[in-house]
């Protein structure tokens, strides 16, 4: 099969489209013919050498989410039909023509959603749902602050927060992205290209989704109201924070919550997938939520896709198709 392969760590020159062995489904596994795959910031960081695949997943084939068709089932698998349209998350290997995954981590693709749209759903919506619902415990009537609000995960988070009954504020360094998020339900926007955000919020928030890590920790704490929850999903501004205002955490009864999806074990992924299928998939099927499609590239134009992501010029998800 064909697959995107990283021949080391570095720039786009380490990326190759190569012929590799097709994987075989084992017990409780299915073989999926991949039709499209989402491109994520993690793929770029892995290419640079900063985010290796977890044990048990392909070390040199990137890709965390896929959409395709079941091509074969492994021993002992029942209730999964060959030809079924499916999508899902994996720890790596999604940017290949075939992959294997556990049968209980499959998500059916609703009718009316094509493979390219489906490939933009798993990482964005599962990550956002986990951050808002499982980790952040967002409730009706609360205020949520979503950073980098034009990204794939953030545009999913805005829709999910509104579905939960929350009001949403968003930040971005790009004015054009802020101009577009009002249609998703963002009621307050802050352009951070010229400064911070905490002092510019109309009032404190209850939940923050943060991708920046150490560089924004203290300002996030300032933006939280009493009993607020800061959910950290990334470290784009560094993994270490200096001079943390611990007293503010104590006085405000604040919570700082870390989460990562890629390395999460199977027994934690399955309940999340099942809950997502029961609660969110019907919303996607009915068109009440939808992935925000920023750009679609052929898999052979991966260099252009990486360049677009690194330039932060795309609003929504970047998808690769075979």
Protein backbone atom coordinates (compact mmCIF):
# COMPACT_ATOMS: atom_id res chain seq x y z
CA UNK A 1 0.00 0.00 0.00
CA UNK A 2 1.00 3.63 -0.31
CA UNK A 3 1.70 5.62 2.84
CA UNK A 4 3.16 8.93 3.94
CA UNK A 5 6.44 8.12 5.68
CA UNK A 6 8.69 10.34 7.77
CA UNK A 7 12.35 9.52 6.96
CA UNK A 8 13.62 11.19 10.11
CA UNK A 9 12.97 14.50 11.86
CA UNK A 10 13.09 17.88 10.18
CA UNK A 11 11.46 19.93 7.45
CA UNK A 12 9.10 18.81 4.74
CA UNK A 13 12.05 17.20 2.94
CA UNK A 14 11.88 14.25 5.39
CA UNK A 15 8.41 13.34 4.09
CA UNK A 16 8.09 10.62 1.47
CA UNK A 17 5.24 8.81 -0.27
CA UNK A 18 6.32 5.18 -0.20
CA UNK A 19 5.16 1.61 -0.72
CA UNK A 20 4.93 -0.26 2.59
CA UNK A 21 3.43 -3.53 3.75
CA UNK A 22 -0.33 -3.57 4.20
CA UNK A 23 -1.25 -4.30 7.83
CA UNK A 24 -3.33 -7.34 8.79
CA UNK A 25 -6.24 -7.24 11.20
CA UNK A 26 -5.72 -9.30 14.34
CA UNK A 27 -8.23 -10.43 16.98
CA UNK A 28 -10.83 -7.72 17.72
CA UNK A 29 -9.37 -5.56 14.96
CA UNK A 30 -10.63 -4.37 11.59
CA UNK A 31 -8.73 -3.37 8.47
CA UNK A 32 -9.91 -0.02 7.10
CA UNK A 33 -9.41 1.25 3.56
CA UNK A 34 -8.62 4.90 4.22
CA UNK A 35 -10.20 7.40 1.86
CA UNK A 36 -9.29 10.61 3.70
CA UNK A 37 -7.31 11.67 6.76
CA UNK A 38 -7.23 14.84 8.82
CA UNK A 39 -3.99 16.78 9.18
CA UNK A 40 -3.30 17.91 12.74
CA UNK A 41 -0.73 20.05 14.49
CA UNK A 42 0.56 16.85 16.07
CA UNK A 43 1.60 15.59 12.61
CA UNK A 44 3.72 18.70 12.06
CA UNK A 45 5.30 18.47 15.51
CA UNK A 46 6.01 14.75 14.97
CA UNK A 47 7.69 15.57 11.66
CA UNK A 48 9.97 18.00 13.50
CA UNK A 49 10.88 15.27 15.99
CA UNK A 50 8.86 16.52 18.95
CA UNK A 51 5.91 14.15 19.24
CA UNK A 52 6.70 10.46 18.64
CA UNK A 53 3.91 7.95 18.13
CA UNK A 54 2.84 5.99 21.23
CA UNK A 55 4.00 2.40 21.57
CA UNK A 56 2.07 0.00 19.40
CA UNK A 57 1.42 2.45 16.56
CA UNK A 58 3.48 3.01 13.38
CA UNK A 59 6.51 5.10 14.31
CA UNK A 60 7.08 6.57 10.84
CA UNK A 61 3.57 6.85 9.34
CA UNK A 62 1.72 9.93 10.66
CA UNK A 63 -2.00 10.54 10.92
CA UNK A 64 -4.35 10.54 13.92
CA UNK A 65 -7.77 10.37 12.28
CA UNK A 66 -9.30 8.70 9.25
CA UNK A 67 -12.44 8.06 7.26
CA UNK A 68 -12.93 5.07 5.00
CA UNK A 69 -14.50 1.66 4.58
CA UNK A 70 -14.08 -1.61 6.44
CA UNK A 71 -11.97 -3.82 4.16
CA UNK A 72 -11.66 -6.91 6.36
CA UNK A 73 -12.28 -8.06 9.92
CA UNK A 74 -9.97 -10.00 12.19
CA UNK A 75 -10.62 -13.25 14.07
CA UNK A 76 -13.51 -13.10 16.51
CA UNK A 77 -14.98 -9.84 15.17
CA UNK A 78 -18.74 -9.81 14.73
CA UNK A 79 -21.26 -7.06 14.09
CA UNK A 80 -18.95 -5.18 11.72
CA UNK A 81 -19.74 -5.47 8.02
CA UNK A 82 -17.15 -5.28 5.26
CA UNK A 83 -17.90 -2.15 3.26
CA UNK A 84 -19.28 -0.18 6.22
CA UNK A 85 -18.30 3.49 6.20
CA UNK A 86 -16.36 4.32 9.35
CA UNK A 87 -14.19 7.01 10.91
CA UNK A 88 -12.14 7.25 14.06
CA UNK A 89 -9.01 8.12 16.00
CA UNK A 90 -5.72 6.21 16.01
CA UNK A 91 -2.33 6.75 17.62
CA UNK A 92 -0.68 6.97 14.19
CA UNK A 93 -0.74 5.46 10.73
CA UNK A 94 -3.85 7.17 9.34
CA UNK A 95 -2.03 8.76 6.39
CA UNK A 96 -1.85 5.43 4.60
CA UNK A 97 -4.17 3.57 2.27
CA UNK A 98 -4.95 1.00 4.98
CA UNK A 99 -4.83 0.87 8.76
CA UNK A 100 -5.92 -1.49 11.53
CA UNK A 101 -7.86 -0.40 14.58
CA UNK A 102 -9.92 -1.93 17.35
CA UNK A 103 -13.51 -2.70 16.41
CA UNK A 104 -14.87 -0.85 19.46
CA UNK A 105 -13.20 2.39 18.42
CA UNK A 106 -15.02 2.57 15.08
CA UNK A 107 -17.48 5.42 14.58
CA UNK A 108 -20.09 4.99 11.83
CA UNK A 109 -20.22 7.76 9.23
CA UNK A 110 -23.77 9.13 8.98
CA UNK A 111 -25.49 9.22 5.60
CA UNK A 112 -24.97 12.55 3.88
CA UNK A 113 -21.44 13.05 5.25
CA UNK A 114 -18.72 12.29 2.70
CA UNK A 115 -15.29 10.87 3.47
CA UNK A 116 -13.53 14.23 3.43
CA UNK A 117 -16.00 15.75 5.89
CA UNK A 118 -15.85 12.62 8.04
CA UNK A 119 -12.06 12.78 8.23
CA UNK A 120 -12.40 16.24 9.80
CA UNK A 121 -14.61 15.00 12.64
CA UNK A 122 -12.85 12.54 15.01
CA UNK A 123 -9.88 14.48 16.36
CA UNK A 124 -11.70 17.82 16.48
CA UNK A 125 -15.00 16.70 17.97
CA UNK A 126 -13.78 13.93 20.29
CA UNK A 127 -11.03 16.15 21.69
CA UNK A 128 -13.41 19.08 22.17
CA UNK A 129 -16.13 16.90 23.69
CA UNK A 130 -13.70 15.31 26.12
CA UNK A 131 -12.29 18.71 27.11
CA UNK A 132 -15.64 20.42 27.58
CA UNK A 133 -17.77 17.61 28.99
CA UNK A 134 -15.54 14.99 30.61
CA UNK A 135 -12.72 17.23 31.84
CA UNK A 136 -14.27 20.69 31.98
CA UNK A 137 -17.75 19.67 33.18
CA UNK A 138 -19.30 22.57 31.27
CA UNK A 139 -22.85 23.36 32.33
CA UNK A 140 -25.79 25.26 30.90
CA UNK A 141 -25.41 29.00 31.42
CA UNK A 142 -21.63 29.01 31.92
CA UNK A 143 -19.08 31.02 29.94
CA UNK A 144 -16.39 29.26 27.93
CA UNK A 145 -13.22 30.81 26.51
CA UNK A 146 -11.76 29.01 23.48
CA UNK A 147 -8.27 29.98 22.39
CA UNK A 148 -7.06 29.81 18.76
CA UNK A 149 -10.75 29.84 17.89
CA UNK A 150 -10.23 29.30 14.15
CA UNK A 151 -8.64 25.86 14.48
CA UNK A 152 -10.36 22.55 13.80
CA UNK A 153 -10.68 21.57 17.47
CA UNK A 154 -11.75 25.07 18.45
CA UNK A 155 -14.48 25.37 15.81
CA UNK A 156 -15.83 22.02 17.04
CA UNK A 157 -15.58 23.23 20.64
CA UNK A 158 -17.61 26.35 19.89
CA UNK A 159 -20.45 24.26 18.48
CA UNK A 160 -20.34 21.82 21.38
CA UNK A 161 -20.25 24.60 23.98
CA UNK A 162 -23.33 26.23 22.45
CA UNK A 163 -25.04 22.82 22.39
CA UNK A 164 -24.33 22.53 26.12
CA UNK A 165 -25.98 25.90 26.69
CA UNK A 166 -22.81 27.91 27.32
CA UNK A 167 -21.88 31.29 25.90
CA UNK A 168 -18.54 31.44 24.12
CA UNK A 169 -15.67 33.91 23.88
CA UNK A 170 -12.78 33.28 21.51
CA UNK A 171 -9.26 34.52 20.88
CA UNK A 172 -7.12 34.57 17.76
CA UNK A 173 -4.20 36.50 16.35
CA UNK A 174 -5.99 36.66 12.98
CA UNK A 175 -8.80 39.19 12.61
CA UNK A 176 -10.35 37.43 9.62
CA UNK A 177 -10.83 34.25 11.68
CA UNK A 178 -12.51 36.19 14.46
CA UNK A 179 -14.84 37.74 11.90
CA UNK A 180 -15.99 34.26 10.85
CA UNK A 181 -16.63 32.62 14.21
CA UNK A 182 -19.73 34.67 15.01
CA UNK A 183 -21.63 32.40 12.63
CA UNK A 184 -20.70 29.44 14.87
CA UNK A 185 -22.02 31.15 17.99
CA UNK A 186 -19.05 33.06 19.42
CA UNK A 187 -20.46 36.15 21.15
CA UNK A 188 -17.20 37.82 22.22
CA UNK A 189 -13.92 37.91 20.28
CA UNK A 190 -10.46 39.13 21.26
CA UNK A 191 -7.66 39.83 18.79
CA UNK A 192 -4.46 38.82 20.59
CA UNK A 193 -2.08 40.01 17.88
CA UNK A 194 -1.49 43.20 19.84
CA UNK A 195 -1.60 42.00 23.44
CA UNK A 196 -3.21 39.83 26.06
CA UNK A 197 -6.79 38.78 26.61
CA UNK A 198 -7.68 38.50 30.31
CA UNK A 199 -8.14 42.23 30.92
CA UNK A 200 -10.19 42.56 27.71
CA UNK A 201 -12.84 39.98 28.58
CA UNK A 202 -16.18 41.54 29.50
CA UNK A 203 -16.33 39.28 32.56
CA UNK A 204 -14.59 36.15 33.91
CA UNK A 205 -15.21 32.74 32.38
CA UNK A 206 -15.97 29.34 33.88
CA UNK A 207 -14.06 27.07 31.47
CA UNK A 208 -11.02 27.72 29.26
CA UNK A 209 -9.74 25.47 26.47
CA UNK A 210 -6.04 26.25 26.04
CA UNK A 211 -3.54 24.96 23.48
CA UNK A 212 -0.61 27.15 24.46
CA UNK A 213 0.51 25.73 27.81
CA UNK A 214 3.13 27.46 29.90
CA UNK A 215 3.19 30.73 28.04
CA UNK A 216 -0.42 31.57 28.83
CA UNK A 217 -0.99 29.81 32.15
CA UNK A 218 -0.95 32.85 34.42
CA UNK A 219 -3.18 34.94 32.17
CA UNK A 220 -5.63 32.05 31.90
CA UNK A 221 -5.80 31.93 35.70
CA UNK A 222 -6.59 35.65 35.73
CA UNK A 223 -9.45 35.10 33.27
CA UNK A 224 -11.19 32.42 35.35
CA UNK A 225 -14.00 33.17 37.75
CA UNK A 226 -14.55 31.30 41.05
CA UNK A 227 -14.40 27.51 40.70
CA UNK A 228 -13.24 27.91 37.09
CA UNK A 229 -11.63 25.08 35.13
CA UNK A 230 -8.63 25.49 32.84
CA UNK A 231 -8.29 22.56 30.44
CA UNK A 232 -4.85 22.44 28.79
CA UNK A 233 -4.70 20.52 25.50
CA UNK A 234 -1.29 21.57 24.19
CA UNK A 235 2.00 23.36 24.83
CA UNK A 236 2.50 25.50 21.72
CA UNK A 237 3.99 28.28 23.87
CA UNK A 238 6.10 25.95 25.97
CA UNK A 239 5.69 23.22 28.53
CA UNK A 240 6.99 25.18 31.52
CA UNK A 241 5.29 28.09 33.28
CA UNK A 242 7.19 30.53 35.49
CA UNK A 243 5.98 32.40 38.58
CA UNK A 244 2.61 30.71 38.71
CA UNK A 245 0.12 32.55 40.93
CA UNK A 246 -0.72 29.58 43.15
CA UNK A 247 -2.50 31.84 45.62
CA UNK A 248 -5.02 32.72 42.93
CA UNK A 249 -5.71 29.02 42.35
CA UNK A 250 -6.35 28.59 46.05
CA UNK A 251 -8.52 31.68 46.52
CA UNK A 252 -10.62 30.93 43.45
CA UNK A 253 -10.87 27.16 44.05
CA UNK A 254 -9.62 26.86 40.47
CA UNK A 255 -8.77 23.65 38.66
CA UNK A 256 -5.93 23.19 36.16
CA UNK A 257 -6.63 20.07 34.11
CA UNK A 258 -4.29 18.46 31.61
CA UNK A 259 -5.46 16.12 28.88
CA UNK A 260 -4.10 14.39 25.79
CA UNK A 261 -5.95 12.13 23.39
CA UNK A 262 -3.22 10.41 21.37
CA UNK A 263 -1.61 8.34 24.12
CA UNK A 264 -4.84 7.53 25.92
CA UNK A 265 -5.22 3.76 26.42
CA UNK A 266 -7.88 1.73 24.66
CA UNK A 267 -9.96 1.19 27.79
CA UNK A 268 -10.32 4.97 28.16
CA UNK A 269 -11.01 5.62 24.49
CA UNK A 270 -13.89 3.16 24.23
CA UNK A 271 -16.26 4.84 26.74
CA UNK A 272 -15.55 8.21 25.11
CA UNK A 273 -16.33 6.82 21.64
CA UNK A 274 -19.53 5.19 22.89
CA UNK A 275 -20.70 8.39 24.57
CA UNK A 276 -19.82 10.40 21.48
CA UNK A 277 -21.82 8.05 19.24
CA UNK A 278 -24.83 8.25 21.55
CA UNK A 279 -24.82 12.02 22.15
CA UNK A 280 -22.99 13.90 19.41
CA UNK A 281 -23.22 11.73 16.31
CA UNK A 282 -27.00 12.35 16.01
CA UNK A 283 -26.29 16.10 15.98
CA UNK A 284 -23.79 15.66 13.15
CA UNK A 285 -26.15 13.35 11.27
CA UNK A 286 -28.93 15.92 11.49
CA UNK A 287 -26.68 18.76 10.36
CA UNK A 288 -27.03 20.67 13.62
CA UNK A 289 -23.23 20.44 13.96
CA UNK A 290 -20.66 20.11 11.20
CA UNK A 291 -16.89 20.10 10.81
CA UNK A 292 -15.53 23.39 9.50
CA UNK A 293 -13.64 22.48 6.34
CA UNK A 294 -10.71 24.77 5.74
CA UNK A 295 -8.84 23.06 2.90
CA UNK A 296 -8.57 19.69 1.19
CA UNK A 297 -5.29 18.52 -0.35
CA UNK A 298 -4.43 15.36 -2.27
CA UNK A 299 -2.13 13.15 -0.20
CA UNK A 300 0.52 13.75 -2.88
CA UNK A 301 0.48 17.47 -1.98
CA UNK A 302 1.34 16.96 1.66
CA UNK A 303 4.07 19.62 1.54
CA UNK A 304 1.52 22.28 0.66
CA UNK A 305 -0.79 21.05 3.41
CA UNK A 306 1.99 21.25 6.03
CA UNK A 307 2.96 24.72 4.79
CA UNK A 308 -0.64 25.91 5.14
CA UNK A 309 -0.85 24.59 8.69
CA UNK A 310 2.48 26.10 9.72
CA UNK A 311 1.42 29.45 8.27
CA UNK A 312 -1.80 29.37 10.33
CA UNK A 313 -3.68 30.57 7.27
CA UNK A 314 -6.53 28.03 7.24
CA UNK A 315 -9.82 28.48 9.10
CA UNK A 316 -11.01 25.07 10.26
CA UNK A 317 -9.70 21.63 9.39
CA UNK A 318 -7.12 20.59 6.80
CA UNK A 319 -7.94 17.24 5.21
CA UNK A 320 -5.85 14.95 3.01
CA UNK A 321 -7.50 12.64 0.48
CA UNK A 322 -6.32 9.70 -1.58
